[in-house]
């Protein structure tokens, strides 16, 4: 085809996903929409892909966070306490999450 762009040039000229759309465990991009293919862990405010969550469950650590190994909270109050702890640490994602909960 005349004027066709080679595949390598096409792939290198595209936009990159923001850092928030990369799994911190496997370093693979999280498919969009990210909310359907990952879970936000409130203990560390990291978005982990479903593949890493399934892998951690298979290894027998499914009741803890796949990233920081914090036990999974069992109530809304426990989740709120974890988010507030991250807010106190000046985590911008935690601040945004807490603010959206009150809106």
N, C-alpha and C. Protein backbone atom coordinates (compact mmCIF):
# COMPACT_ATOMS: atom_id res chain seq x y z
N UNK A 1 0.83 -1.19 0.00
CA UNK A 1 0.00 0.00 0.00
C UNK A 1 0.87 1.25 0.00
N UNK A 2 0.57 2.18 -0.84
CA UNK A 2 1.35 3.42 -0.85
C UNK A 2 1.04 4.25 0.41
N UNK A 3 2.09 4.77 1.02
CA UNK A 3 1.93 5.61 2.21
C UNK A 3 1.65 4.83 3.48
N UNK A 4 1.77 3.51 3.43
CA UNK A 4 1.52 2.69 4.61
C UNK A 4 2.65 2.88 5.63
N UNK A 5 2.29 2.86 6.89
CA UNK A 5 3.26 3.03 7.97
C UNK A 5 3.73 1.64 8.40
N UNK A 6 5.06 1.43 8.49
CA UNK A 6 5.55 0.13 8.96
C UNK A 6 5.05 -0.16 10.38
N UNK A 7 4.87 -1.44 10.69
CA UNK A 7 4.31 -1.84 11.98
C UNK A 7 5.14 -1.33 13.16
N UNK A 8 6.48 -1.41 13.05
CA UNK A 8 7.34 -0.97 14.16
C UNK A 8 7.16 0.53 14.42
N UNK A 9 7.09 1.32 13.37
CA UNK A 9 6.88 2.76 13.54
C UNK A 9 5.51 3.05 14.14
N UNK A 10 4.53 2.31 13.71
CA UNK A 10 3.17 2.48 14.24
C UNK A 10 3.12 2.15 15.73
N UNK A 11 3.75 1.06 16.14
CA UNK A 11 3.73 0.66 17.54
C UNK A 11 4.53 1.61 18.43
N UNK A 12 5.60 2.21 17.90
CA UNK A 12 6.43 3.12 18.69
C UNK A 12 5.86 4.52 18.77
N UNK A 13 4.92 4.86 17.91
CA UNK A 13 4.39 6.22 17.90
C UNK A 13 3.11 6.37 18.72
N UNK A 14 2.61 5.30 19.28
CA UNK A 14 1.35 5.35 20.03
C UNK A 14 1.52 5.91 21.42
N UNK A 15 0.41 6.03 22.09
CA UNK A 15 0.41 6.52 23.46
C UNK A 15 0.71 5.38 24.42
N UNK A 16 1.39 5.71 25.48
CA UNK A 16 1.66 4.71 26.51
C UNK A 16 0.59 4.80 27.59
N UNK A 17 0.31 3.67 28.20
CA UNK A 17 -0.63 3.67 29.31
C UNK A 17 0.00 4.36 30.51
N UNK A 18 -0.79 5.08 31.29
CA UNK A 18 -0.24 5.68 32.51
C UNK A 18 0.24 4.60 33.47
N UNK A 19 1.10 4.98 34.40
CA UNK A 19 1.69 4.03 35.34
C UNK A 19 0.62 3.29 36.14
N UNK A 20 -0.50 3.92 36.41
CA UNK A 20 -1.56 3.30 37.19
C UNK A 20 -2.22 2.12 36.51
N UNK A 21 -1.99 1.95 35.20
CA UNK A 21 -2.59 0.85 34.47
C UNK A 21 -1.60 -0.29 34.23
N UNK A 22 -0.57 -0.37 35.04
CA UNK A 22 0.40 -1.46 34.98
C UNK A 22 0.37 -2.18 36.31
N UNK A 23 0.27 -3.49 36.28
CA UNK A 23 0.24 -4.27 37.51
C UNK A 23 1.61 -4.17 38.20
N UNK A 24 1.65 -3.83 39.48
CA UNK A 24 2.93 -3.69 40.17
C UNK A 24 3.62 -5.03 40.44
N UNK A 25 2.91 -6.14 40.27
CA UNK A 25 3.51 -7.45 40.52
C UNK A 25 4.10 -8.08 39.26
N UNK A 26 3.31 -8.17 38.21
CA UNK A 26 3.80 -8.81 36.98
C UNK A 26 4.32 -7.81 35.96
N UNK A 27 4.11 -6.52 36.21
CA UNK A 27 4.57 -5.42 35.34
C UNK A 27 3.95 -5.46 33.94
N UNK A 28 2.83 -6.14 33.80
CA UNK A 28 2.12 -6.18 32.53
C UNK A 28 1.04 -5.12 32.53
N UNK A 29 0.71 -4.57 31.35
CA UNK A 29 -0.37 -3.58 31.31
C UNK A 29 -1.70 -4.23 31.65
N UNK A 30 -2.54 -3.47 32.36
CA UNK A 30 -3.87 -3.93 32.73
C UNK A 30 -4.81 -3.52 31.60
N UNK A 31 -5.58 -4.47 31.09
CA UNK A 31 -6.50 -4.20 29.99
C UNK A 31 -7.53 -3.17 30.42
N UNK A 32 -7.95 -2.35 29.47
CA UNK A 32 -8.97 -1.34 29.74
C UNK A 32 -10.34 -1.93 29.43
N UNK A 33 -11.36 -1.61 30.15
CA UNK A 33 -11.41 -0.78 31.35
C UNK A 33 -10.77 -1.50 32.54
N UNK A 34 -9.90 -0.79 33.21
CA UNK A 34 -9.09 -1.37 34.28
C UNK A 34 -9.94 -1.91 35.43
N UNK A 35 -11.08 -1.29 35.69
CA UNK A 35 -11.92 -1.72 36.81
C UNK A 35 -12.47 -3.13 36.60
N UNK A 36 -12.58 -3.57 35.35
CA UNK A 36 -13.08 -4.92 35.07
C UNK A 36 -11.97 -5.97 35.08
N UNK A 37 -10.72 -5.53 34.99
CA UNK A 37 -9.61 -6.48 34.87
C UNK A 37 -8.63 -6.41 36.04
N UNK A 38 -8.98 -5.65 37.07
CA UNK A 38 -8.08 -5.52 38.21
C UNK A 38 -8.88 -5.15 39.45
N UNK A 39 -8.18 -5.11 40.57
CA UNK A 39 -8.82 -4.72 41.83
C UNK A 39 -7.90 -3.76 42.57
N UNK A 40 -8.50 -2.72 43.13
CA UNK A 40 -7.74 -1.75 43.93
C UNK A 40 -7.70 -2.25 45.37
N UNK A 41 -6.51 -2.50 45.87
CA UNK A 41 -6.34 -2.94 47.25
C UNK A 41 -6.24 -1.72 48.14
N UNK A 42 -7.17 -1.58 49.09
CA UNK A 42 -7.21 -0.39 49.92
C UNK A 42 -6.09 -0.32 50.93
N UNK A 43 -5.42 -1.43 51.21
CA UNK A 43 -4.34 -1.44 52.20
C UNK A 43 -3.11 -0.70 51.68
N UNK A 44 -2.81 -0.85 50.40
CA UNK A 44 -1.62 -0.23 49.83
C UNK A 44 -1.96 0.69 48.66
N UNK A 45 -3.24 0.76 48.29
CA UNK A 45 -3.74 1.57 47.19
C UNK A 45 -3.06 1.20 45.86
N UNK A 46 -2.82 -0.09 45.66
CA UNK A 46 -2.24 -0.59 44.41
C UNK A 46 -3.30 -1.33 43.63
N UNK A 47 -3.32 -1.11 42.31
CA UNK A 47 -4.24 -1.81 41.43
C UNK A 47 -3.52 -3.05 40.90
N UNK A 48 -4.03 -4.22 41.29
CA UNK A 48 -3.40 -5.50 40.93
C UNK A 48 -4.31 -6.22 39.94
N UNK A 49 -3.70 -6.78 38.89
CA UNK A 49 -4.50 -7.46 37.87
C UNK A 49 -5.10 -8.75 38.42
N UNK A 50 -6.17 -9.19 37.77
CA UNK A 50 -6.85 -10.41 38.22
C UNK A 50 -5.95 -11.63 38.10
N UNK A 51 -5.03 -11.64 37.14
CA UNK A 51 -4.12 -12.76 36.99
C UNK A 51 -3.24 -12.95 38.22
N UNK A 52 -2.74 -11.85 38.76
CA UNK A 52 -1.90 -11.93 39.96
C UNK A 52 -2.73 -12.28 41.20
N UNK A 53 -3.97 -11.84 41.23
CA UNK A 53 -4.85 -12.18 42.35
C UNK A 53 -5.14 -13.69 42.33
N UNK A 54 -5.42 -14.23 41.15
CA UNK A 54 -5.67 -15.67 41.01
C UNK A 54 -4.40 -16.46 41.36
N UNK A 55 -3.25 -15.98 40.91
CA UNK A 55 -1.99 -16.68 41.21
C UNK A 55 -1.71 -16.70 42.71
N UNK A 56 -1.99 -15.59 43.39
CA UNK A 56 -1.76 -15.57 44.84
C UNK A 56 -2.75 -16.50 45.56
N UNK A 57 -3.98 -16.58 45.05
CA UNK A 57 -4.96 -17.50 45.66
C UNK A 57 -4.52 -18.95 45.47
N UNK A 58 -3.94 -19.27 44.30
CA UNK A 58 -3.46 -20.63 44.06
C UNK A 58 -2.28 -20.98 44.95
N UNK A 59 -1.52 -19.98 45.35
CA UNK A 59 -0.38 -20.21 46.24
C UNK A 59 -0.79 -20.27 47.70
N UNK A 60 -2.08 -20.07 47.96
CA UNK A 60 -2.57 -20.18 49.32
C UNK A 60 -2.53 -18.89 50.12
N UNK A 61 -2.31 -17.77 49.45
CA UNK A 61 -2.29 -16.49 50.16
C UNK A 61 -3.43 -15.60 49.67
N UNK A 62 -4.56 -16.20 49.34
CA UNK A 62 -5.69 -15.48 48.80
C UNK A 62 -6.38 -14.59 49.81
N UNK A 63 -6.18 -14.80 51.11
CA UNK A 63 -6.83 -13.98 52.12
C UNK A 63 -5.99 -12.77 52.52
N UNK A 64 -4.90 -12.55 51.80
CA UNK A 64 -4.07 -11.36 52.05
C UNK A 64 -3.90 -10.60 50.75
N UNK A 65 -3.44 -9.37 50.86
CA UNK A 65 -3.18 -8.54 49.68
C UNK A 65 -2.04 -9.17 48.88
N UNK A 66 -2.22 -9.26 47.58
CA UNK A 66 -1.19 -9.86 46.73
C UNK A 66 0.06 -9.00 46.68
N UNK A 67 -0.06 -7.70 46.96
CA UNK A 67 1.10 -6.81 46.88
C UNK A 67 1.83 -6.66 48.21
N UNK A 68 1.08 -6.32 49.28
CA UNK A 68 1.75 -6.00 50.56
C UNK A 68 1.52 -7.05 51.65
N UNK A 69 0.74 -8.07 51.36
CA UNK A 69 0.47 -9.19 52.28
C UNK A 69 -0.32 -8.79 53.54
N UNK A 70 -1.01 -7.66 53.50
CA UNK A 70 -1.88 -7.25 54.59
C UNK A 70 -3.14 -8.12 54.55
N UNK A 71 -3.63 -8.59 55.69
CA UNK A 71 -4.86 -9.37 55.68
C UNK A 71 -6.03 -8.58 55.07
N UNK A 72 -6.86 -9.27 54.34
CA UNK A 72 -8.00 -8.64 53.67
C UNK A 72 -9.00 -8.15 54.72
N UNK A 73 -9.40 -6.87 54.66
CA UNK A 73 -10.37 -6.37 55.64
C UNK A 73 -11.72 -7.03 55.45
N UNK A 74 -12.42 -7.24 56.57
CA UNK A 74 -13.70 -7.95 56.50
C UNK A 74 -14.91 -7.05 56.70
N UNK A 75 -14.69 -5.76 56.90
CA UNK A 75 -15.82 -4.85 57.08
C UNK A 75 -15.51 -3.49 56.45
N UNK A 76 -16.55 -2.70 56.27
CA UNK A 76 -16.39 -1.36 55.71
C UNK A 76 -15.55 -0.48 56.64
N UNK A 77 -15.72 -0.67 57.94
CA UNK A 77 -14.95 0.13 58.90
C UNK A 77 -13.46 -0.19 58.80
N UNK A 78 -13.13 -1.45 58.59
CA UNK A 78 -11.73 -1.84 58.45
C UNK A 78 -11.13 -1.28 57.16
N UNK A 79 -11.92 -1.28 56.08
CA UNK A 79 -11.47 -0.70 54.81
C UNK A 79 -11.23 0.79 54.99
N UNK A 80 -12.17 1.48 55.64
CA UNK A 80 -12.03 2.92 55.87
C UNK A 80 -10.80 3.22 56.71
N UNK A 81 -10.52 2.39 57.70
CA UNK A 81 -9.33 2.60 58.54
C UNK A 81 -8.05 2.47 57.71
N UNK A 82 -8.01 1.50 56.79
CA UNK A 82 -6.83 1.34 55.93
C UNK A 82 -6.66 2.54 55.00
N UNK A 83 -7.77 3.02 54.43
CA UNK A 83 -7.70 4.18 53.54
C UNK A 83 -7.24 5.41 54.31
N UNK A 84 -7.78 5.61 55.50
CA UNK A 84 -7.36 6.76 56.31
C UNK A 84 -5.88 6.69 56.69
N UNK A 85 -5.38 5.49 56.91
CA UNK A 85 -3.97 5.32 57.21
C UNK A 85 -3.11 5.75 56.02
N UNK A 86 -3.57 5.40 54.81
CA UNK A 86 -2.85 5.82 53.59
C UNK A 86 -2.99 7.33 53.38
N UNK A 87 -4.15 7.91 53.76
CA UNK A 87 -4.33 9.37 53.66
C UNK A 87 -3.35 10.07 54.59
N UNK A 88 -3.18 9.54 55.80
CA UNK A 88 -2.23 10.13 56.74
C UNK A 88 -0.80 10.07 56.21
N UNK A 89 -0.53 9.10 55.36
CA UNK A 89 0.79 8.97 54.74
C UNK A 89 0.91 9.84 53.48
N UNK A 90 -0.11 10.67 53.23
CA UNK A 90 -0.14 11.60 52.09
C UNK A 90 -0.17 10.90 50.73
N UNK A 91 -0.85 9.76 50.66
CA UNK A 91 -1.00 9.03 49.41
C UNK A 91 -2.09 9.71 48.58
N UNK A 92 -1.76 10.27 47.41
CA UNK A 92 -2.77 11.00 46.63
C UNK A 92 -3.93 10.13 46.16
N UNK A 93 -3.68 8.87 45.85
CA UNK A 93 -4.76 7.98 45.42
C UNK A 93 -5.72 7.70 46.57
N UNK A 94 -5.19 7.58 47.78
CA UNK A 94 -6.04 7.36 48.96
C UNK A 94 -6.87 8.61 49.25
N UNK A 95 -6.27 9.77 49.09
CA UNK A 95 -7.01 11.02 49.32
C UNK A 95 -8.15 11.14 48.33
N UNK A 96 -7.88 10.81 47.07
CA UNK A 96 -8.92 10.86 46.03
C UNK A 96 -10.02 9.83 46.33
N UNK A 97 -9.64 8.64 46.76
CA UNK A 97 -10.61 7.59 47.07
C UNK A 97 -11.49 8.00 48.24
N UNK A 98 -10.89 8.57 49.28
CA UNK A 98 -11.65 9.00 50.45
C UNK A 98 -12.58 10.15 50.09
N UNK A 99 -12.09 11.08 49.28
CA UNK A 99 -12.93 12.22 48.88
C UNK A 99 -14.12 11.77 48.05
N UNK A 100 -13.91 10.80 47.15
CA UNK A 100 -15.03 10.34 46.31
C UNK A 100 -16.05 9.55 47.13
N UNK A 101 -15.62 8.96 48.25
CA UNK A 101 -16.56 8.23 49.11
C UNK A 101 -17.52 9.18 49.79
N UNK A 102 -17.10 10.42 50.01
CA UNK A 102 -17.94 11.40 50.69
C UNK A 102 -18.78 12.22 49.72
N UNK A 103 -18.56 12.07 48.42
CA UNK A 103 -19.35 12.85 47.44
C UNK A 103 -20.59 12.13 47.01
